[in-house]
Amino acid sequence: MPTRRFAKLADEKKEKIKDAVLCEYQRTAYGELQFSRIARAAQVSRASLYTYFPDKEDLFRFVTAQLKENSNRKDEKLEEGSLKENE
């Protein structure tokens, strides 16, 4: 998971990093993941990215948690829509 240093970042920067990580995982196999591509896409240095995520495993856990959170939000919206239709 992300380090405490990541938690202290501005929300905008966190979003850029999150989007870059998700994009890289969608287009690349785990073994071919490159911190340099993520850093470039997120507009941060590679060294900074390593201070936020020490290794690929941390990135993987982070992206998995993000995908799960996004899925849960979508499920909640679907349920809300279904409840409104039934009222």
Foldseek 3Di string as FASTA:
>chain_A
DWDVVLVPDDPLLNVQLLVLLLVQVVVDDLVPRDLCSSCVSSVHHSVVVCNGPVDSVSSVVVNVVVVVVVVVVVVVVVVVVVVVVVD
